[in-house]
Amino acid sequence: MITMTLQEALAAAVARAGTDSGFREVLVTDVAEALRQQGYSLDRTVEVTAVVTETNGIRFRISFDRSPRQLSDAELDGVAGGAAASVEVYEVGFG
């Protein structure tokens, strides 16, 4: 079995969306479903949203660590004000 990273799964989904308008609509409205159709399941701590840009590209917003959990004492020592979450944004264009 081949294991894909999230970035590889998004790249495969974008490539398919470039030639399949129905799949592109799924990708924009439900990224998790589009990725499932590509054979990739998002971890429950990851959320990916997509929006169509003014130039007809797609911008992905990837949020990590969205599940509530209790921090350990060591983690509490390293933060002020709660759990840290990271966000990455990728934009791809269709030409």
N, C-alpha and C. Protein backbone atom coordinates (compact mmCIF):
# COMPACT_ATOMS: atom_id res chain seq x y z
N MET A 1 0.84 -1.18 0.00
CA MET A 1 0.00 0.00 0.00
C MET A 1 0.88 1.24 0.00
N ILE A 2 0.55 2.21 -0.85
CA ILE A 2 1.30 3.45 -0.94
C ILE A 2 0.67 4.47 0.01
N THR A 3 1.50 5.12 0.82
CA THR A 3 1.02 6.13 1.74
C THR A 3 1.34 7.51 1.19
N MET A 4 0.32 8.38 1.13
CA MET A 4 0.49 9.74 0.64
C MET A 4 0.54 10.71 1.80
N THR A 5 1.27 11.79 1.63
CA THR A 5 1.20 12.89 2.57
C THR A 5 -0.03 13.73 2.20
N LEU A 6 -0.43 14.61 3.09
CA LEU A 6 -1.55 15.50 2.79
C LEU A 6 -1.24 16.36 1.57
N GLN A 7 -0.02 16.86 1.47
CA GLN A 7 0.35 17.69 0.33
C GLN A 7 0.27 16.90 -0.98
N GLU A 8 0.71 15.64 -0.95
CA GLU A 8 0.62 14.81 -2.15
C GLU A 8 -0.84 14.53 -2.53
N ALA A 9 -1.68 14.29 -1.51
CA ALA A 9 -3.09 14.04 -1.77
C ALA A 9 -3.76 15.29 -2.36
N LEU A 10 -3.43 16.46 -1.82
CA LEU A 10 -3.97 17.71 -2.36
C LEU A 10 -3.50 17.92 -3.79
N ALA A 11 -2.22 17.63 -4.05
CA ALA A 11 -1.69 17.80 -5.41
C ALA A 11 -2.42 16.89 -6.39
N ALA A 12 -2.68 15.65 -5.99
CA ALA A 12 -3.41 14.71 -6.85
C ALA A 12 -4.84 15.19 -7.07
N ALA A 13 -5.47 15.71 -6.02
CA ALA A 13 -6.83 16.22 -6.14
C ALA A 13 -6.88 17.44 -7.06
N VAL A 14 -5.91 18.32 -6.94
CA VAL A 14 -5.86 19.51 -7.79
C VAL A 14 -5.65 19.11 -9.25
N ALA A 15 -4.78 18.14 -9.48
CA ALA A 15 -4.54 17.68 -10.85
C ALA A 15 -5.84 17.13 -11.45
N ARG A 16 -6.58 16.35 -10.68
CA ARG A 16 -7.85 15.82 -11.17
C ARG A 16 -8.86 16.94 -11.37
N ALA A 17 -8.89 17.90 -10.47
CA ALA A 17 -9.84 19.02 -10.58
C ALA A 17 -9.59 19.86 -11.82
N GLY A 18 -8.35 19.85 -12.31
CA GLY A 18 -8.02 20.60 -13.51
C GLY A 18 -8.66 20.04 -14.77
N THR A 19 -9.06 18.76 -14.73
CA THR A 19 -9.65 18.12 -15.92
C THR A 19 -11.07 17.61 -15.68
N ASP A 20 -11.54 17.67 -14.44
CA ASP A 20 -12.85 17.11 -14.07
C ASP A 20 -13.62 18.16 -13.27
N SER A 21 -14.52 18.88 -13.95
CA SER A 21 -15.23 19.98 -13.29
C SER A 21 -16.14 19.50 -12.17
N GLY A 22 -16.69 18.31 -12.27
CA GLY A 22 -17.52 17.77 -11.19
C GLY A 22 -16.69 17.51 -9.95
N PHE A 23 -15.51 16.96 -10.14
CA PHE A 23 -14.62 16.72 -9.00
C PHE A 23 -14.14 18.04 -8.41
N ARG A 24 -13.89 19.02 -9.26
CA ARG A 24 -13.47 20.34 -8.76
C ARG A 24 -14.52 20.92 -7.82
N GLU A 25 -15.80 20.76 -8.16
CA GLU A 25 -16.88 21.24 -7.30
C GLU A 25 -16.85 20.51 -5.95
N VAL A 26 -16.62 19.21 -5.97
CA VAL A 26 -16.50 18.46 -4.71
C VAL A 26 -15.31 18.97 -3.91
N LEU A 27 -14.20 19.19 -4.58
CA LEU A 27 -12.99 19.67 -3.90
C LEU A 27 -13.22 21.01 -3.21
N VAL A 28 -13.94 21.89 -3.85
CA VAL A 28 -14.19 23.21 -3.29
C VAL A 28 -15.22 23.15 -2.15
N THR A 29 -16.22 22.29 -2.27
CA THR A 29 -17.29 22.26 -1.27
C THR A 29 -17.02 21.32 -0.11
N ASP A 30 -16.24 20.23 -0.33
CA ASP A 30 -15.98 19.26 0.72
C ASP A 30 -14.62 18.61 0.48
N VAL A 31 -13.58 19.28 0.95
CA VAL A 31 -12.21 18.82 0.70
C VAL A 31 -12.00 17.41 1.24
N ALA A 32 -12.52 17.13 2.43
CA ALA A 32 -12.34 15.79 3.02
C ALA A 32 -12.92 14.71 2.11
N GLU A 33 -14.09 14.95 1.55
CA GLU A 33 -14.70 13.98 0.64
C GLU A 33 -13.87 13.83 -0.63
N ALA A 34 -13.40 14.93 -1.18
CA ALA A 34 -12.56 14.86 -2.38
C ALA A 34 -11.30 14.05 -2.10
N LEU A 35 -10.70 14.27 -0.94
CA LEU A 35 -9.49 13.51 -0.59
C LEU A 35 -9.81 12.04 -0.40
N ARG A 36 -10.97 11.73 0.21
CA ARG A 36 -11.39 10.32 0.35
C ARG A 36 -11.52 9.66 -1.01
N GLN A 37 -12.07 10.40 -1.98
CA GLN A 37 -12.20 9.87 -3.34
C GLN A 37 -10.84 9.61 -3.98
N GLN A 38 -9.82 10.28 -3.49
CA GLN A 38 -8.45 10.08 -3.98
C GLN A 38 -7.71 9.03 -3.15
N GLY A 39 -8.38 8.43 -2.17
CA GLY A 39 -7.76 7.38 -1.35
C GLY A 39 -7.04 7.89 -0.12
N TYR A 40 -7.33 9.12 0.31
CA TYR A 40 -6.65 9.71 1.47
C TYR A 40 -7.69 10.09 2.52
N SER A 41 -7.45 9.69 3.77
CA SER A 41 -8.34 10.06 4.87
C SER A 41 -7.64 11.06 5.77
N LEU A 42 -8.31 12.17 6.03
CA LEU A 42 -7.76 13.17 6.94
C LEU A 42 -7.76 12.65 8.37
N ASP A 43 -6.71 12.96 9.08
CA ASP A 43 -6.67 12.70 10.51
C ASP A 43 -7.71 13.57 11.18
N ARG A 44 -8.29 13.13 12.28
CA ARG A 44 -9.36 13.90 12.93
C ARG A 44 -8.86 15.22 13.51
N THR A 45 -7.56 15.39 13.61
CA THR A 45 -7.02 16.64 14.15
C THR A 45 -6.70 17.66 13.05
N VAL A 46 -7.04 17.33 11.81
CA VAL A 46 -6.75 18.21 10.68
C VAL A 46 -8.05 18.62 10.01
N GLU A 47 -8.14 19.90 9.68
CA GLU A 47 -9.29 20.41 8.95
C GLU A 47 -8.76 21.18 7.73
N VAL A 48 -9.31 20.88 6.57
CA VAL A 48 -8.90 21.56 5.34
C VAL A 48 -10.14 22.19 4.71
N THR A 49 -10.04 23.47 4.40
CA THR A 49 -11.12 24.16 3.69
C THR A 49 -10.54 24.73 2.40
N ALA A 50 -11.41 24.97 1.44
CA ALA A 50 -10.97 25.50 0.15
C ALA A 50 -11.89 26.62 -0.29
N VAL A 51 -11.32 27.61 -0.94
CA VAL A 51 -12.10 28.69 -1.55
C VAL A 51 -11.54 28.95 -2.95
N VAL A 52 -12.43 29.35 -3.84
CA VAL A 52 -12.01 29.72 -5.19
C VAL A 52 -11.54 31.17 -5.14
N THR A 53 -10.38 31.43 -5.71
CA THR A 53 -9.81 32.78 -5.70
C THR A 53 -10.36 33.60 -6.86
N GLU A 54 -10.05 34.89 -6.84
CA GLU A 54 -10.49 35.79 -7.91
C GLU A 54 -9.92 35.39 -9.26
N THR A 55 -8.79 34.70 -9.27
CA THR A 55 -8.15 34.29 -10.52
C THR A 55 -8.52 32.86 -10.90
N ASN A 56 -9.59 32.32 -10.28
CA ASN A 56 -10.11 30.98 -10.56
C ASN A 56 -9.20 29.87 -10.05
N GLY A 57 -8.29 30.19 -9.15
CA GLY A 57 -7.49 29.17 -8.49
C GLY A 57 -8.22 28.66 -7.26
N ILE A 58 -7.57 27.82 -6.50
CA ILE A 58 -8.14 27.33 -5.25
C ILE A 58 -7.13 27.59 -4.14
N ARG A 59 -7.62 28.16 -3.05
CA ARG A 59 -6.78 28.39 -1.87
C ARG A 59 -7.22 27.41 -0.79
N PHE A 60 -6.25 26.65 -0.27
CA PHE A 60 -6.53 25.68 0.79
C PHE A 60 -6.04 26.25 2.12
N ARG A 61 -6.85 26.10 3.13
CA ARG A 61 -6.47 26.48 4.49
C ARG A 61 -6.45 25.20 5.30
N ILE A 62 -5.29 24.86 5.84
CA ILE A 62 -5.10 23.62 6.59
C ILE A 62 -4.88 23.98 8.05
N SER A 63 -5.78 23.52 8.91
CA SER A 63 -5.68 23.79 10.35
C SER A 63 -5.37 22.48 11.06
N PHE A 64 -4.38 22.52 11.92
CA PHE A 64 -3.96 21.34 12.66
C PHE A 64 -4.37 21.46 14.12
N ASP A 65 -4.54 20.32 14.75
CA ASP A 65 -4.77 20.24 16.19
C ASP A 65 -6.06 20.95 16.59
N ARG A 66 -7.17 20.64 15.87
CA ARG A 66 -8.44 21.28 16.16
C ARG A 66 -9.25 20.54 17.22
N SER A 67 -8.82 19.34 17.61
CA SER A 67 -9.59 18.60 18.61
C SER A 67 -9.24 19.08 20.01
N PRO A 68 -10.25 19.31 20.82
CA PRO A 68 -9.96 19.74 22.19
C PRO A 68 -9.34 18.61 22.98
N ARG A 69 -8.33 18.94 23.73
CA ARG A 69 -7.68 17.94 24.59
C ARG A 69 -7.05 18.66 25.76
N GLN A 70 -6.80 17.90 26.78
CA GLN A 70 -6.18 18.48 27.96
C GLN A 70 -4.66 18.46 27.77
N LEU A 71 -4.02 19.59 28.08
CA LEU A 71 -2.57 19.69 27.95
C LEU A 71 -1.88 19.05 29.15
N SER A 72 -0.72 18.48 28.88
CA SER A 72 0.09 17.94 29.97
C SER A 72 0.74 19.09 30.73
N ASP A 73 1.30 18.82 31.90
CA ASP A 73 1.99 19.86 32.66
C ASP A 73 3.15 20.45 31.85
N ALA A 74 3.87 19.59 31.13
CA ALA A 74 5.00 20.06 30.33
C ALA A 74 4.51 20.99 29.21
N GLU A 75 3.39 20.64 28.57
CA GLU A 75 2.84 21.49 27.51
C GLU A 75 2.35 22.81 28.09
N LEU A 76 1.73 22.75 29.26
CA LEU A 76 1.25 23.98 29.89
C LEU A 76 2.40 24.93 30.21
N ASP A 77 3.55 24.38 30.59
CA ASP A 77 4.71 25.21 30.86
C ASP A 77 5.19 25.94 29.61
N GLY A 78 4.90 25.40 28.43
CA GLY A 78 5.40 25.97 27.19
C GLY A 78 4.46 26.92 26.48
N VAL A 79 3.23 27.07 26.99
CA VAL A 79 2.28 27.95 26.32
C VAL A 79 1.66 28.93 27.31
N ALA A 80 1.15 29.99 26.78
CA ALA A 80 0.40 30.95 27.60
C ALA A 80 -0.94 31.15 26.92
N GLY A 81 -1.99 30.70 27.53
CA GLY A 81 -3.31 30.93 26.98
C GLY A 81 -3.91 29.78 26.21
N GLY A 82 -3.40 28.57 26.33
CA GLY A 82 -4.06 27.43 25.72
C GLY A 82 -3.21 26.68 24.72
N ALA A 83 -3.87 25.76 24.04
CA ALA A 83 -3.19 24.89 23.09
C ALA A 83 -2.86 25.67 21.82
N ALA A 84 -1.74 25.35 21.26
CA ALA A 84 -1.32 26.00 20.02
C ALA A 84 -1.87 25.23 18.83
N ALA A 85 -2.26 25.92 17.80
CA ALA A 85 -2.69 25.30 16.55
C ALA A 85 -1.91 25.98 15.44
N SER A 86 -1.62 25.23 14.42
CA SER A 86 -0.90 25.83 13.30
C SER A 86 -1.80 25.84 12.08
N VAL A 87 -1.57 26.79 11.22
CA VAL A 87 -2.36 26.93 10.00
C VAL A 87 -1.40 27.10 8.84
N GLU A 88 -1.66 26.39 7.76
CA GLU A 88 -0.89 26.56 6.53
C GLU A 88 -1.87 26.91 5.42
N VAL A 89 -1.45 27.75 4.51
CA VAL A 89 -2.30 28.13 3.39
C VAL A 89 -1.55 27.86 2.10
N TYR A 90 -2.19 27.16 1.19
CA TYR A 90 -1.62 26.87 -0.14
C TYR A 90 -2.57 27.40 -1.17
N GLU A 91 -2.05 27.93 -2.25
CA GLU A 91 -2.90 28.39 -3.35
C GLU A 91 -2.40 27.81 -4.64
N VAL A 92 -3.31 27.28 -5.44
CA VAL A 92 -2.97 26.73 -6.73
C VAL A 92 -3.83 27.40 -7.79
N GLY A 93 -3.29 27.54 -8.96
CA GLY A 93 -4.02 28.17 -10.05
C GLY A 93 -4.31 27.19 -11.16
N PHE A 94 -5.31 27.49 -11.93
CA PHE A 94 -5.64 26.70 -13.12
C PHE A 94 -5.50 27.60 -14.32
N GLY A 95 -4.69 27.20 -15.27
CA GLY A 95 -4.45 28.06 -16.40
C GLY A 95 -4.96 27.52 -17.62
